[in-house]
Amino acid sequence: MFTRRGPRQTTSALVKGRIILATAHRWFETTPCPARLTSVRLSLVVVDEAHHARGQHAYAQVADLVREMAASAVMLGATASGHEQGRHQQGWNAGWGVERWSVHGEDAGLAPYTVDLSVASEHLSLPETLLHLIAPLAEEERDLADRLRRQGYPDTGHITAAM
């Protein structure tokens, strides 16, 4: 299985190699069950965005189907949403048959690619002309933040258009 953006031939190459890469949980909500995989003996199932695989979510339902088709496969789940671990650990354990957890808060190998995103509000007194010019941008930022909230992204308070 692959994302809609991925080339379709990649799907069959992964299946021939007996590996499923399950990614982009929204893909499962719009794609029929991978019935053609029932004849393939899978050895590894890699699940990206695994924190979505819980409860009645479409991804959790796919987890049940894949486990039925590949009962002996090793399943590897990954998520960058570490804060989700505590709240949904039981759901993952049930949905994916988790035997072992490996949780890392920091990875020294990622240090060159990460930054500290501590955000502090700075209030500046700007000229009225500038405030008038940036008002449409502030409105667009508010709309974007609202769309992200409706899509289920957690509100961290860091996206703000307060002026």
C-alpha atoms as a PDB file:
ATOM      1  CA  MET A   1       0.000   0.000   0.000  1.00  0.00           C
ATOM      2  CA  PHE A   2       1.266   3.464  -0.733  1.00  0.00           C
ATOM      3  CA  THR A   3       0.039   7.018  -0.676  1.00  0.00           C
ATOM      4  CA  ARG A   4      -1.957   8.451  -3.542  1.00  0.00           C
ATOM      5  CA  ARG A   5       1.060  10.565  -4.412  1.00  0.00           C
ATOM      6  CA  GLY A   6       3.262   7.500  -4.677  1.00  0.00           C
ATOM      7  CA  PRO A   7       3.575   5.654  -7.966  1.00  0.00           C
ATOM      8  CA  ARG A   8       1.321   2.594  -8.245  1.00  0.00           C
ATOM      9  CA  GLN A   9       4.179   0.351  -9.396  1.00  0.00           C
ATOM     10  CA  THR A  10       5.815   0.918  -5.994  1.00  0.00           C
ATOM     11  CA  THR A  11       2.894  -0.902  -4.394  1.00  0.00           C
ATOM     12  CA  SER A  12       3.497  -4.138  -6.281  1.00  0.00           C
ATOM     13  CA  ALA A  13       7.264  -3.903  -5.739  1.00  0.00           C
ATOM     14  CA  LEU A  14       6.727  -3.694  -1.986  1.00  0.00           C
ATOM     15  CA  VAL A  15       4.280  -6.594  -2.030  1.00  0.00           C
ATOM     16  CA  LYS A  16       6.697  -8.750  -4.046  1.00  0.00           C
ATOM     17  CA  GLY A  17       9.304  -7.987  -1.401  1.00  0.00           C
ATOM     18  CA  ARG A  18       6.760  -9.066   1.210  1.00  0.00           C
ATOM     19  CA  ILE A  19       6.696  -5.695   2.892  1.00  0.00           C
ATOM     20  CA  ILE A  20       3.717  -3.401   3.316  1.00  0.00           C
ATOM     21  CA  LEU A  21       4.360   0.261   3.930  1.00  0.00           C
ATOM     22  CA  ALA A  22       1.151   1.630   5.408  1.00  0.00           C
ATOM     23  CA  THR A  23       1.260   5.396   5.320  1.00  0.00           C
ATOM     24  CA  ALA A  24      -0.996   8.435   5.068  1.00  0.00           C
ATOM     25  CA  HIS A  25      -3.971   7.185   7.061  1.00  0.00           C
ATOM     26  CA  ARG A  26      -6.358   9.286   4.955  1.00  0.00           C
ATOM     27  CA  TRP A  27      -5.495   7.027   2.001  1.00  0.00           C
ATOM     28  CA  PHE A  28      -7.270   4.138   3.676  1.00  0.00           C
ATOM     29  CA  GLU A  29     -10.460   6.133   4.027  1.00  0.00           C
ATOM     30  CA  THR A  30     -10.700   6.532   0.241  1.00  0.00           C
ATOM     31  CA  THR A  31      -9.190   3.252  -1.007  1.00  0.00           C
ATOM     32  CA  PRO A  32     -10.860  -0.172  -1.030  1.00  0.00           C
ATOM     33  CA  CYS A  33      -9.465  -2.924   1.178  1.00  0.00           C
ATOM     34  CA  PRO A  34      -6.277  -4.412  -0.299  1.00  0.00           C
ATOM     35  CA  ALA A  35      -7.910  -7.759  -1.135  1.00  0.00           C
ATOM     36  CA  ARG A  36      -5.144  -8.692  -3.584  1.00  0.00           C
ATOM     37  CA  LEU A  37      -2.729  -9.027  -0.660  1.00  0.00           C
ATOM     38  CA  THR A  38      -4.476 -12.119   0.711  1.00  0.00           C
ATOM     39  CA  SER A  39      -2.382 -14.433  -1.470  1.00  0.00           C
ATOM     40  CA  VAL A  40       0.928 -12.873  -0.408  1.00  0.00           C
ATOM     41  CA  ARG A  41       2.848 -14.029   2.667  1.00  0.00           C
ATOM     42  CA  LEU A  42       4.014 -10.817   4.310  1.00  0.00           C
ATOM     43  CA  SER A  43       7.071 -10.663   6.541  1.00  0.00           C
ATOM     44  CA  LEU A  44       7.064  -7.006   7.610  1.00  0.00           C
ATOM     45  CA  VAL A  45       4.360  -4.369   7.951  1.00  0.00           C
ATOM     46  CA  VAL A  46       5.598  -0.803   8.535  1.00  0.00           C
ATOM     47  CA  VAL A  47       2.925   1.562   9.844  1.00  0.00           C
ATOM     48  CA  ASP A  48       3.591   5.280   9.607  1.00  0.00           C
ATOM     49  CA  GLU A  49       1.381   7.679  11.595  1.00  0.00           C
ATOM     50  CA  ALA A  50       0.571   4.757  13.892  1.00  0.00           C
ATOM     51  CA  HIS A  51      -1.091   6.979  16.490  1.00  0.00           C
ATOM     52  CA  HIS A  52      -4.160   7.033  14.224  1.00  0.00           C
ATOM     53  CA  ALA A  53      -4.583   3.241  14.516  1.00  0.00           C
ATOM     54  CA  ARG A  54      -7.032   3.158  17.410  1.00  0.00           C
ATOM     55  CA  GLY A  55     -10.730   2.911  18.140  1.00  0.00           C
ATOM     56  CA  GLN A  56     -13.097   3.078  15.173  1.00  0.00           C
ATOM     57  CA  HIS A  57     -10.687   5.089  13.024  1.00  0.00           C
ATOM     58  CA  ALA A  58     -10.311   3.792   9.449  1.00  0.00           C
ATOM     59  CA  TYR A  59      -6.645   3.087  10.129  1.00  0.00           C
ATOM     60  CA  ALA A  60      -7.535   0.866  13.108  1.00  0.00           C
ATOM     61  CA  GLN A  61      -9.933  -1.087  10.920  1.00  0.00           C
ATOM     62  CA  VAL A  62      -7.148  -1.598   8.392  1.00  0.00           C
ATOM     63  CA  ALA A  63      -4.966  -2.838  11.258  1.00  0.00           C
ATOM     64  CA  ASP A  64      -7.473  -5.597  11.927  1.00  0.00           C
ATOM     65  CA  LEU A  65      -7.567  -6.606   8.251  1.00  0.00           C
ATOM     66  CA  VAL A  66      -3.778  -6.618   7.882  1.00  0.00           C
ATOM     67  CA  ARG A  67      -3.359  -8.664  11.065  1.00  0.00           C
ATOM     68  CA  GLU A  68      -5.813 -11.237   9.701  1.00  0.00           C
ATOM     69  CA  MET A  69      -3.923 -11.448   6.394  1.00  0.00           C
ATOM     70  CA  ALA A  70      -0.425 -11.348   7.909  1.00  0.00           C
ATOM     71  CA  ALA A  71      -0.689 -12.942  11.326  1.00  0.00           C
ATOM     72  CA  SER A  72       2.997 -13.925  11.380  1.00  0.00           C
ATOM     73  CA  ALA A  73       4.377 -10.637  10.023  1.00  0.00           C
ATOM     74  CA  VAL A  74       6.497  -8.372  12.180  1.00  0.00           C
ATOM     75  CA  MET A  75       4.683  -5.067  12.593  1.00  0.00           C
ATOM     76  CA  LEU A  76       6.653  -1.856  13.099  1.00  0.00           C
ATOM     77  CA  GLY A  77       4.775   1.334  13.974  1.00  0.00           C
ATOM     78  CA  ALA A  78       6.182   4.851  13.910  1.00  0.00           C
ATOM     79  CA  THR A  79       4.826   8.213  14.970  1.00  0.00           C
ATOM     80  CA  ALA A  80       6.264  11.640  15.566  1.00  0.00           C
ATOM     81  CA  SER A  81       3.376  12.374  17.922  1.00  0.00           C
ATOM     82  CA  GLY A  82       4.978  11.154  21.122  1.00  0.00           C
ATOM     83  CA  HIS A  83       2.452  13.028  23.251  1.00  0.00           C
ATOM     84  CA  GLU A  84      -0.187  10.637  21.910  1.00  0.00           C
ATOM     85  CA  GLN A  85       1.538   7.604  23.410  1.00  0.00           C
ATOM     86  CA  GLY A  86       0.173   7.802  26.938  1.00  0.00           C
ATOM     87  CA  ARG A  87      -3.398   8.591  25.951  1.00  0.00           C
ATOM     88  CA  HIS A  88      -3.775   5.931  23.298  1.00  0.00           C
ATOM     89  CA  GLN A  89      -1.347   3.194  24.303  1.00  0.00           C
ATOM     90  CA  GLN A  90      -4.115   0.740  25.189  1.00  0.00           C
ATOM     91  CA  GLY A  91      -5.805   1.298  21.840  1.00  0.00           C
ATOM     92  CA  TRP A  92      -2.560   0.622  20.024  1.00  0.00           C
ATOM     93  CA  ASN A  93      -1.874  -2.477  22.079  1.00  0.00           C
ATOM     94  CA  ALA A  94      -5.282  -3.895  21.173  1.00  0.00           C
ATOM     95  CA  GLY A  95      -5.331  -2.720  17.545  1.00  0.00           C
ATOM     96  CA  TRP A  96      -1.823  -3.715  16.531  1.00  0.00           C
ATOM     97  CA  GLY A  97      -0.912  -6.432  19.039  1.00  0.00           C
ATOM     98  CA  VAL A  98       1.984  -4.429  20.485  1.00  0.00           C
ATOM     99  CA  GLU A  99       4.534  -6.582  22.276  1.00  0.00           C
ATOM    100  CA  ARG A 100       7.222  -4.003  22.984  1.00  0.00           C
ATOM    101  CA  TRP A 101       7.486  -0.218  23.144  1.00  0.00           C
ATOM    102  CA  SER A 102      10.549   1.841  22.316  1.00  0.00           C
ATOM    103  CA  VAL A 103      10.068   5.508  23.113  1.00  0.00           C
ATOM    104  CA  HIS A 104      12.733   8.129  22.491  1.00  0.00           C
ATOM    105  CA  GLY A 105      12.178  11.747  23.417  1.00  0.00           C
ATOM    106  CA  GLU A 106      15.334  12.869  21.701  1.00  0.00           C
ATOM    107  CA  ASP A 107      17.540  11.489  18.998  1.00  0.00           C
ATOM    108  CA  ALA A 108      21.058  12.905  18.818  1.00  0.00           C
ATOM    109  CA  GLY A 109      21.229  11.922  15.147  1.00  0.00           C
ATOM    110  CA  LEU A 110      18.421  14.355  14.368  1.00  0.00           C
ATOM    111  CA  ALA A 111      20.120  17.318  16.064  1.00  0.00           C
ATOM    112  CA  PRO A 112      21.299  18.957  12.824  1.00  0.00           C
ATOM    113  CA  TYR A 113      17.717  18.894  11.499  1.00  0.00           C
ATOM    114  CA  THR A 114      15.739  20.013  14.533  1.00  0.00           C
ATOM    115  CA  VAL A 115      15.241  23.343  16.206  1.00  0.00           C
ATOM    116  CA  ASP A 116      13.771  24.427  19.503  1.00  0.00           C
ATOM    117  CA  LEU A 117      10.340  25.826  18.778  1.00  0.00           C
ATOM    118  CA  SER A 118       9.773  27.676  22.021  1.00  0.00           C
ATOM    119  CA  VAL A 119       7.473  30.486  20.995  1.00  0.00           C
ATOM    120  CA  ALA A 120       7.136  33.708  22.933  1.00  0.00           C
ATOM    121  CA  SER A 121       4.659  36.423  22.033  1.00  0.00           C
ATOM    122  CA  GLU A 122       6.220  39.747  21.228  1.00  0.00           C
ATOM    123  CA  HIS A 123       3.938  42.767  21.047  1.00  0.00           C
ATOM    124  CA  LEU A 124       5.171  45.581  18.860  1.00  0.00           C
ATOM    125  CA  SER A 125       3.552  48.910  18.291  1.00  0.00           C
ATOM    126  CA  LEU A 126       3.349  49.191  14.524  1.00  0.00           C
ATOM    127  CA  PRO A 127       2.344  52.183  12.435  1.00  0.00           C
ATOM    128  CA  GLU A 128      -1.343  52.265  11.456  1.00  0.00           C
ATOM    129  CA  THR A 129      -0.446  52.086   7.744  1.00  0.00           C
ATOM    130  CA  LEU A 130       1.472  48.846   8.260  1.00  0.00           C
ATOM    131  CA  LEU A 131      -1.346  47.350  10.358  1.00  0.00           C
ATOM    132  CA  HIS A 132      -3.757  48.153   7.528  1.00  0.00           C
ATOM    133  CA  LEU A 133      -1.465  46.476   4.968  1.00  0.00           C
ATOM    134  CA  ILE A 134      -0.990  43.273   6.963  1.00  0.00           C
ATOM    135  CA  ALA A 135      -4.651  42.899   7.972  1.00  0.00           C
ATOM    136  CA  PRO A 136      -5.433  40.565   4.997  1.00  0.00           C
ATOM    137  CA  LEU A 137      -2.472  38.365   5.951  1.00  0.00           C
ATOM    138  CA  ALA A 138      -3.691  38.196   9.541  1.00  0.00           C
ATOM    139  CA  GLU A 139      -7.143  37.152   8.308  1.00  0.00           C
ATOM    140  CA  GLU A 140      -5.588  34.451   6.121  1.00  0.00           C
ATOM    141  CA  GLU A 141      -3.562  33.207   9.097  1.00  0.00           C
ATOM    142  CA  ARG A 142      -6.718  33.005  11.243  1.00  0.00           C
ATOM    143  CA  ASP A 143      -8.477  31.059   8.470  1.00  0.00           C
ATOM    144  CA  LEU A 144      -5.532  28.657   8.177  1.00  0.00           C
ATOM    145  CA  ALA A 145      -5.455  28.065  11.933  1.00  0.00           C
ATOM    146  CA  ASP A 146      -9.204  27.418  11.891  1.00  0.00           C
ATOM    147  CA  ARG A 147      -8.903  24.934   8.985  1.00  0.00           C
ATOM    148  CA  LEU A 148      -6.110  23.065  10.793  1.00  0.00           C
ATOM    149  CA  ARG A 149      -8.221  22.842  13.961  1.00  0.00           C
ATOM    150  CA  ARG A 150     -11.182  21.459  11.981  1.00  0.00           C
ATOM    151  CA  GLN A 151      -8.890  18.857  10.362  1.00  0.00           C
ATOM    152  CA  GLY A 152      -7.994  17.577  13.815  1.00  0.00           C
ATOM    153  CA  TYR A 153      -4.579  19.104  14.382  1.00  0.00           C
ATOM    154  CA  PRO A 154      -4.088  19.922  18.057  1.00  0.00           C
ATOM    155  CA  ASP A 155      -4.231  23.593  18.949  1.00  0.00           C
ATOM    156  CA  THR A 156      -0.842  24.430  20.435  1.00  0.00           C
ATOM    157  CA  GLY A 157      -1.524  28.128  20.694  1.00  0.00           C
ATOM    158  CA  HIS A 158       1.534  28.868  18.548  1.00  0.00           C
ATOM    159  CA  ILE A 159      -0.452  29.713  15.423  1.00  0.00           C
ATOM    160  CA  THR A 160      -2.021  33.033  16.114  1.00  0.00           C
ATOM    161  CA  ALA A 161      -3.027  36.096  14.210  1.00  0.00           C
ATOM    162  CA  ALA A 162      -3.677  38.218  17.283  1.00  0.00           C
ATOM    163  CA  MET A 163      -2.687  41.807  16.602  1.00  0.00           C
END
